[in-house]
Amino acid sequence: MRASFVFSEVITGLRRNVTMTIAMILTTSISLLLLGGGLLVVRMIDKMQDRYHDKVEVAVYLTKDVSANDRDCGKDPCAALRSSLETNGQVDSVVYENQEKSFERFKRSFEGNPELVQLTRPEALPATLWVKLKNPERFDAFQKELAGKPGVDRVADQGAFLDRLFSLLNGLRNGVFAIALLQALAALLLISNTIQLSAFTRRTEVGIMRLVGATRWYTQLPFLLEAVVAGLVGAVLAVGMLFGFKSLFIDTVFAAPIRAGVFPKLGLADVAYVSPILVLVATVISAVTGYVTLRLYVRL
């Protein structure tokens, strides 16, 4: 098989149906961009789970009078409460955080919102006992145990907030994947139609090649390669757009949570990690769609 002939046939086919080829490339690139965006969200979720897996704590917020009058948790009821927590078999560690330290944590968490930080005073934040449970799933029992104890205002579980956050991110990921699936379907139809149109416009020369002894595989290969080349071009375009999407959208929209340490920062390495997946998906889908179209709808 002459490689130069096959290559020239691929170039001819792509140029002859240039408008459909461009439409196929753009549709493929958009579907791959959405797939890449969903994969980046998955990377973010994985990093967050790794970061917070061993750091989920229970916040025991103290009442206003205790927060204002006991800076070092050296007097009752704060001292008695801290002592009982440290001797509790379900508790792994206890850390006391007074109003000043709570305000420092607040400023780090909301450094992207300076107006809110300026309006907040340390006196408005409660002192807190940060408790790490040996078994976080026993939070409900732990909460009931502390309910009504002197000095306790309320008990909050960071794990519940993280569950809601992960649920939101998972919903975003699923929505992006759903749109990517619809775009992929459109790309498949375009690939199939382009191959059929390309085969129809070259039916005479292919017929002559068959008459002089060319095999079916030899006559079908240029059309199959047209689909693969268009898919690869779409993948390269999608990778370029994904780098732009990361810089212009993710880094901008999530700038404040990233600076505050709530969301992990996605680097260029994360985009580079996702990129080969997009290229592989584009190659496989284009090749499989082209092969099935040639076998079922095109007689060469």
Protein backbone atom coordinates (compact mmCIF):
# COMPACT_ATOMS: atom_id res chain seq x y z
CA MET A 1 0.00 0.00 0.00
CA ARG A 2 1.46 3.36 -1.03
CA ALA A 3 1.46 5.71 1.94
CA SER A 4 1.79 8.77 -0.31
CA PHE A 5 -1.40 7.87 -2.15
CA VAL A 6 -3.37 7.35 1.06
CA PHE A 7 -2.04 10.64 2.47
CA SER A 8 -2.98 12.57 -0.68
CA GLU A 9 -6.47 11.05 -0.63
CA VAL A 10 -6.96 12.12 2.98
CA ILE A 11 -5.91 15.69 2.21
CA THR A 12 -8.16 15.75 -0.87
CA GLY A 13 -11.15 14.50 1.09
CA LEU A 14 -10.69 17.06 3.86
CA ARG A 15 -10.33 19.93 1.37
CA ARG A 16 -13.23 18.81 -0.82
CA ASN A 17 -15.73 18.88 2.07
CA VAL A 18 -14.08 21.77 3.90
CA THR A 19 -17.24 23.24 5.46
CA MET A 20 -18.37 19.92 6.93
CA THR A 21 -14.81 19.21 8.03
CA ILE A 22 -14.65 22.52 9.90
CA ALA A 23 -18.05 21.87 11.48
CA MET A 24 -16.90 18.39 12.53
CA ILE A 25 -13.68 19.75 14.06
CA LEU A 26 -15.46 22.52 15.97
CA THR A 27 -18.20 20.23 17.28
CA THR A 28 -15.63 17.66 18.36
CA SER A 29 -13.48 20.29 20.06
CA ILE A 30 -16.42 21.74 22.01
CA SER A 31 -17.53 18.31 23.22
CA LEU A 32 -13.95 17.50 24.26
CA LEU A 33 -13.59 20.89 25.97
CA LEU A 34 -16.68 20.14 28.07
CA LEU A 35 -15.34 16.67 28.83
CA GLY A 36 -12.02 18.21 29.86
CA GLY A 37 -13.82 20.75 32.06
CA GLY A 38 -15.66 17.93 33.80
CA LEU A 39 -12.40 16.04 34.32
CA LEU A 40 -10.82 19.15 35.84
CA VAL A 41 -13.74 19.36 38.29
CA VAL A 42 -13.10 15.71 39.17
CA ARG A 43 -9.42 16.57 39.78
CA MET A 44 -10.48 19.42 42.07
CA ILE A 45 -12.84 17.16 44.03
CA ASP A 46 -10.13 14.50 44.42
CA LYS A 47 -7.64 17.08 45.70
CA MET A 48 -10.20 18.49 48.15
CA GLN A 49 -11.03 15.04 49.48
CA ASP A 50 -7.33 14.29 49.97
CA ARG A 51 -6.83 17.64 51.71
CA TYR A 52 -9.82 17.46 54.07
CA HIS A 53 -10.04 13.70 54.66
CA ASP A 54 -8.00 13.82 57.87
CA LYS A 55 -8.79 17.43 58.82
CA VAL A 56 -12.55 17.39 59.33
CA GLU A 57 -13.27 18.79 62.77
CA VAL A 58 -16.26 19.60 64.97
CA ALA A 59 -16.61 23.21 66.10
CA VAL A 60 -17.94 23.70 69.63
CA TYR A 61 -18.90 27.39 69.72
CA LEU A 62 -18.93 28.91 73.19
CA THR A 63 -21.44 31.40 74.55
CA LYS A 64 -20.82 35.15 74.38
CA ASP A 65 -20.02 35.59 78.06
CA VAL A 66 -17.45 32.78 78.02
CA SER A 67 -15.91 34.05 74.77
CA ALA A 68 -15.57 37.59 76.14
CA ASN A 69 -14.32 36.78 79.66
CA ASP A 70 -12.10 33.72 79.28
CA ARG A 71 -9.24 34.38 76.88
CA ASP A 72 -7.22 31.23 77.69
CA CYS A 73 -10.02 28.80 78.63
CA GLY A 74 -8.59 28.72 82.13
CA LYS A 75 -11.84 29.22 84.05
CA ASP A 76 -15.08 27.26 84.32
CA PRO A 77 -17.22 26.46 82.45
CA CYS A 78 -14.70 26.50 79.57
CA ALA A 79 -11.94 24.70 81.51
CA ALA A 80 -14.36 21.97 82.72
CA LEU A 81 -15.73 21.52 79.21
CA ARG A 82 -12.27 21.26 77.69
CA SER A 83 -11.19 18.76 80.34
CA SER A 84 -14.23 16.57 79.76
CA LEU A 85 -13.58 16.58 76.01
CA GLU A 86 -9.91 15.67 76.42
CA THR A 87 -10.84 12.64 78.54
CA ASN A 88 -13.65 11.58 76.19
CA GLY A 89 -12.82 8.27 74.50
CA GLN A 90 -14.40 9.42 71.23
CA VAL A 91 -12.20 12.52 70.97
CA ASP A 92 -8.81 12.48 69.29
CA SER A 93 -7.72 16.07 69.98
CA VAL A 94 -9.03 19.40 71.32
CA VAL A 95 -7.74 22.87 70.41
CA TYR A 96 -9.01 26.10 71.96
CA GLU A 97 -9.32 29.17 69.78
CA ASN A 98 -10.17 32.51 71.42
CA GLN A 99 -11.89 35.44 69.71
CA GLU A 100 -8.65 36.93 68.37
CA LYS A 101 -7.57 33.66 66.79
CA SER A 102 -11.08 33.12 65.45
CA PHE A 103 -10.87 36.52 63.81
CA GLU A 104 -7.52 35.62 62.23
CA ARG A 105 -9.08 32.45 60.80
CA PHE A 106 -12.04 34.50 59.57
CA LYS A 107 -9.73 36.93 57.75
CA ARG A 108 -7.89 34.08 56.03
CA SER A 109 -11.16 32.47 54.95
CA PHE A 110 -12.62 35.70 53.54
CA GLU A 111 -9.53 37.51 52.30
CA GLY A 112 -11.21 37.68 48.91
CA ASN A 113 -13.99 39.80 50.45
CA PRO A 114 -12.20 42.70 52.21
CA GLU A 115 -15.44 44.65 52.75
CA LEU A 116 -16.83 41.86 54.91
CA VAL A 117 -13.58 41.62 56.87
CA GLN A 118 -13.59 45.37 57.55
CA LEU A 119 -17.18 45.23 58.84
CA THR A 120 -16.43 42.36 61.23
CA ARG A 121 -14.96 42.80 64.69
CA PRO A 122 -13.25 40.11 66.81
CA GLU A 123 -15.91 40.59 69.51
CA ALA A 124 -18.57 39.38 67.06
CA LEU A 125 -16.94 35.96 66.71
CA PRO A 126 -17.26 33.27 69.37
CA ALA A 127 -14.41 31.43 71.01
CA THR A 128 -14.30 27.87 69.76
CA LEU A 129 -13.15 24.44 70.84
CA TRP A 130 -12.03 22.57 67.72
CA VAL A 131 -12.58 18.87 68.31
CA LYS A 132 -11.34 16.05 66.11
CA LEU A 133 -13.37 12.89 66.57
CA LYS A 134 -11.88 9.43 66.20
CA ASN A 135 -15.02 8.41 64.33
CA PRO A 136 -16.60 11.42 62.54
CA GLU A 137 -19.71 9.37 61.77
CA ARG A 138 -20.65 9.54 65.47
CA PHE A 139 -21.17 13.31 65.29
CA ASP A 140 -24.90 13.11 66.08
CA ALA A 141 -24.27 11.26 69.34
CA PHE A 142 -21.47 13.68 70.20
CA GLN A 143 -23.72 16.66 69.52
CA LYS A 144 -26.47 15.30 71.77
CA GLU A 145 -23.91 14.72 74.52
CA LEU A 146 -22.87 18.40 74.47
CA ALA A 147 -26.35 19.84 74.08
CA GLY A 148 -27.29 22.05 77.03
CA LYS A 149 -23.89 21.91 78.72
CA PRO A 150 -22.77 25.15 80.41
CA GLY A 151 -20.82 27.44 78.11
CA VAL A 152 -21.87 25.67 74.88
CA ASP A 153 -23.72 27.81 72.36
CA ARG A 154 -23.92 25.34 69.46
CA VAL A 155 -22.02 22.47 67.84
CA ALA A 156 -21.28 22.41 64.10
CA ASP A 157 -19.84 19.66 61.91
CA GLN A 158 -17.43 20.69 59.15
CA GLY A 159 -18.12 17.38 57.46
CA ALA A 160 -21.73 18.38 56.75
CA PHE A 161 -20.56 21.56 54.99
CA LEU A 162 -18.03 19.58 52.95
CA ASP A 163 -20.70 17.05 51.98
CA ARG A 164 -22.89 19.88 50.64
CA LEU A 165 -19.91 21.39 48.82
CA PHE A 166 -18.94 18.07 47.24
CA SER A 167 -22.56 17.51 46.27
CA LEU A 168 -22.61 20.90 44.51
CA LEU A 169 -19.36 20.17 42.68
CA ASN A 170 -20.58 16.70 41.70
CA GLY A 171 -23.75 18.24 40.29
CA LEU A 172 -21.66 20.70 38.29
CA ARG A 173 -19.53 17.85 36.99
CA ASN A 174 -22.56 15.76 36.00
CA GLY A 175 -24.13 18.72 34.21
CA VAL A 176 -20.96 19.36 32.21
CA PHE A 177 -20.68 15.66 31.32
CA ALA A 178 -24.32 15.61 30.17
CA ILE A 179 -23.78 18.57 27.83
CA ALA A 180 -20.54 16.97 26.62
CA LEU A 181 -22.46 13.79 25.82
CA LEU A 182 -24.97 15.70 23.70
CA GLN A 183 -22.15 17.48 21.89
CA ALA A 184 -20.39 14.15 21.35
CA LEU A 185 -23.55 12.74 19.76
CA ALA A 186 -23.65 15.70 17.38
CA ALA A 187 -19.96 15.12 16.57
CA LEU A 188 -20.63 11.44 15.84
CA LEU A 189 -23.44 12.30 13.44
CA LEU A 190 -21.26 14.88 11.70
CA ILE A 191 -18.39 12.41 11.34
CA SER A 192 -20.74 9.83 9.88
CA ASN A 193 -22.33 12.30 7.44
CA THR A 194 -18.95 13.66 6.37
CA ILE A 195 -17.64 10.17 5.59
CA GLN A 196 -20.76 9.29 3.61
CA LEU A 197 -20.57 12.54 1.63
CA SER A 198 -16.86 12.10 0.98
CA ALA A 199 -17.40 8.53 -0.23
CA PHE A 200 -20.27 9.63 -2.48
CA THR A 201 -18.23 12.37 -4.18
CA ARG A 202 -15.42 9.90 -4.90
CA ARG A 203 -17.55 6.89 -5.81
CA THR A 204 -16.33 6.79 -9.43
CA GLU A 205 -12.61 6.69 -8.69
CA VAL A 206 -13.16 4.20 -5.87
CA GLY A 207 -15.15 2.01 -8.23
CA ILE A 208 -12.29 2.04 -10.72
CA MET A 209 -9.82 1.11 -7.97
CA ARG A 210 -12.03 -1.84 -7.03
CA LEU A 211 -12.17 -2.99 -10.66
CA VAL A 212 -8.38 -3.08 -10.94
CA GLY A 213 -8.04 -5.21 -7.83
CA ALA A 214 -7.84 -2.81 -4.85
CA THR A 215 -9.05 -4.39 -1.60
CA ARG A 216 -11.98 -3.01 0.38
CA TRP A 217 -9.61 -2.06 3.21
CA TYR A 218 -7.36 -0.13 0.80
CA THR A 219 -10.27 1.93 -0.53
CA GLN A 220 -11.80 2.52 2.92
CA LEU A 221 -8.61 3.55 4.74
CA PRO A 222 -8.46 7.17 3.41
CA PHE A 223 -12.01 7.85 4.63
CA LEU A 224 -11.23 6.34 8.01
CA LEU A 225 -8.09 8.46 8.34
CA GLU A 226 -10.06 11.59 7.40
CA ALA A 227 -12.26 11.04 10.45
CA VAL A 228 -9.26 10.37 12.70
CA VAL A 229 -7.34 13.43 11.46
CA ALA A 230 -10.37 15.68 11.98
CA GLY A 231 -10.83 14.22 15.48
CA LEU A 232 -7.19 14.81 16.37
CA VAL A 233 -7.33 18.41 15.12
CA GLY A 234 -10.44 18.90 17.25
CA ALA A 235 -8.62 17.38 20.24
CA VAL A 236 -5.63 19.72 19.82
CA LEU A 237 -8.01 22.68 19.57
CA ALA A 238 -9.87 21.48 22.67
CA VAL A 239 -6.61 21.19 24.64
CA GLY A 240 -5.69 24.76 23.72
CA MET A 241 -9.14 26.01 24.76
CA LEU A 242 -8.87 24.01 28.00
CA PHE A 243 -5.69 25.86 28.96
CA GLY A 244 -7.54 29.12 28.25
CA PHE A 245 -10.60 27.91 30.19
CA LYS A 246 -8.40 27.14 33.18
CA SER A 247 -6.69 30.55 33.12
CA LEU A 248 -9.66 32.75 32.23
CA PHE A 249 -12.52 30.98 34.01
CA ILE A 250 -11.42 28.65 36.81
CA ASP A 251 -8.60 30.87 38.10
CA THR A 252 -10.89 33.93 37.97
CA VAL A 253 -14.22 32.58 39.26
CA PHE A 254 -12.63 30.55 42.07
CA ALA A 255 -9.89 33.08 42.86
CA ALA A 256 -11.18 33.99 46.35
CA PRO A 257 -11.84 30.39 47.55
CA ILE A 258 -8.46 29.31 46.17
CA ARG A 259 -6.64 32.11 48.03
CA ALA A 260 -8.56 31.22 51.17
CA GLY A 261 -7.53 27.59 50.84
CA VAL A 262 -11.10 26.31 50.48
CA PHE A 263 -10.51 25.07 46.91
CA PRO A 264 -7.18 23.61 45.80
CA LYS A 265 -5.41 25.41 42.98
CA LEU A 266 -5.45 23.63 39.63
CA GLY A 267 -2.15 24.05 37.83
CA LEU A 268 -1.03 23.57 34.26
CA ALA A 269 0.04 20.06 35.25
CA ASP A 270 -3.61 19.17 35.87
CA VAL A 271 -4.56 20.33 32.37
CA ALA A 272 -1.58 18.39 30.97
CA TYR A 273 -2.82 15.32 32.88
CA VAL A 274 -6.28 15.60 31.29
CA SER A 275 -5.06 16.42 27.75
CA PRO A 276 -3.91 12.90 26.71
CA ILE A 277 -7.32 11.58 27.74
CA LEU A 278 -9.00 14.02 25.34
CA VAL A 279 -6.66 13.02 22.51
CA LEU A 280 -7.30 9.33 23.17
CA VAL A 281 -11.07 9.80 23.32
CA ALA A 282 -11.05 11.80 20.06
CA THR A 283 -8.97 9.14 18.28
CA VAL A 284 -11.07 6.20 19.46
CA ILE A 285 -14.44 7.84 18.81
CA SER A 286 -13.42 9.06 15.34
CA ALA A 287 -11.94 5.71 14.34
CA VAL A 288 -14.86 3.65 15.66
CA THR A 289 -17.48 5.96 14.13
CA GLY A 290 -15.66 5.97 10.79
CA TYR A 291 -15.32 2.19 10.75
CA VAL A 292 -18.95 1.55 11.67
CA THR A 293 -20.17 4.07 9.07
CA LEU A 294 -18.07 2.46 6.33
CA ARG A 295 -19.25 -1.02 7.24
CA LEU A 296 -22.93 -0.23 7.58
CA TYR A 297 -23.70 2.66 5.25
CA VAL A 298 -20.94 2.84 2.64
CA ARG A 299 -20.27 0.16 0.08
CA LEU A 300 -16.74 0.55 -1.26
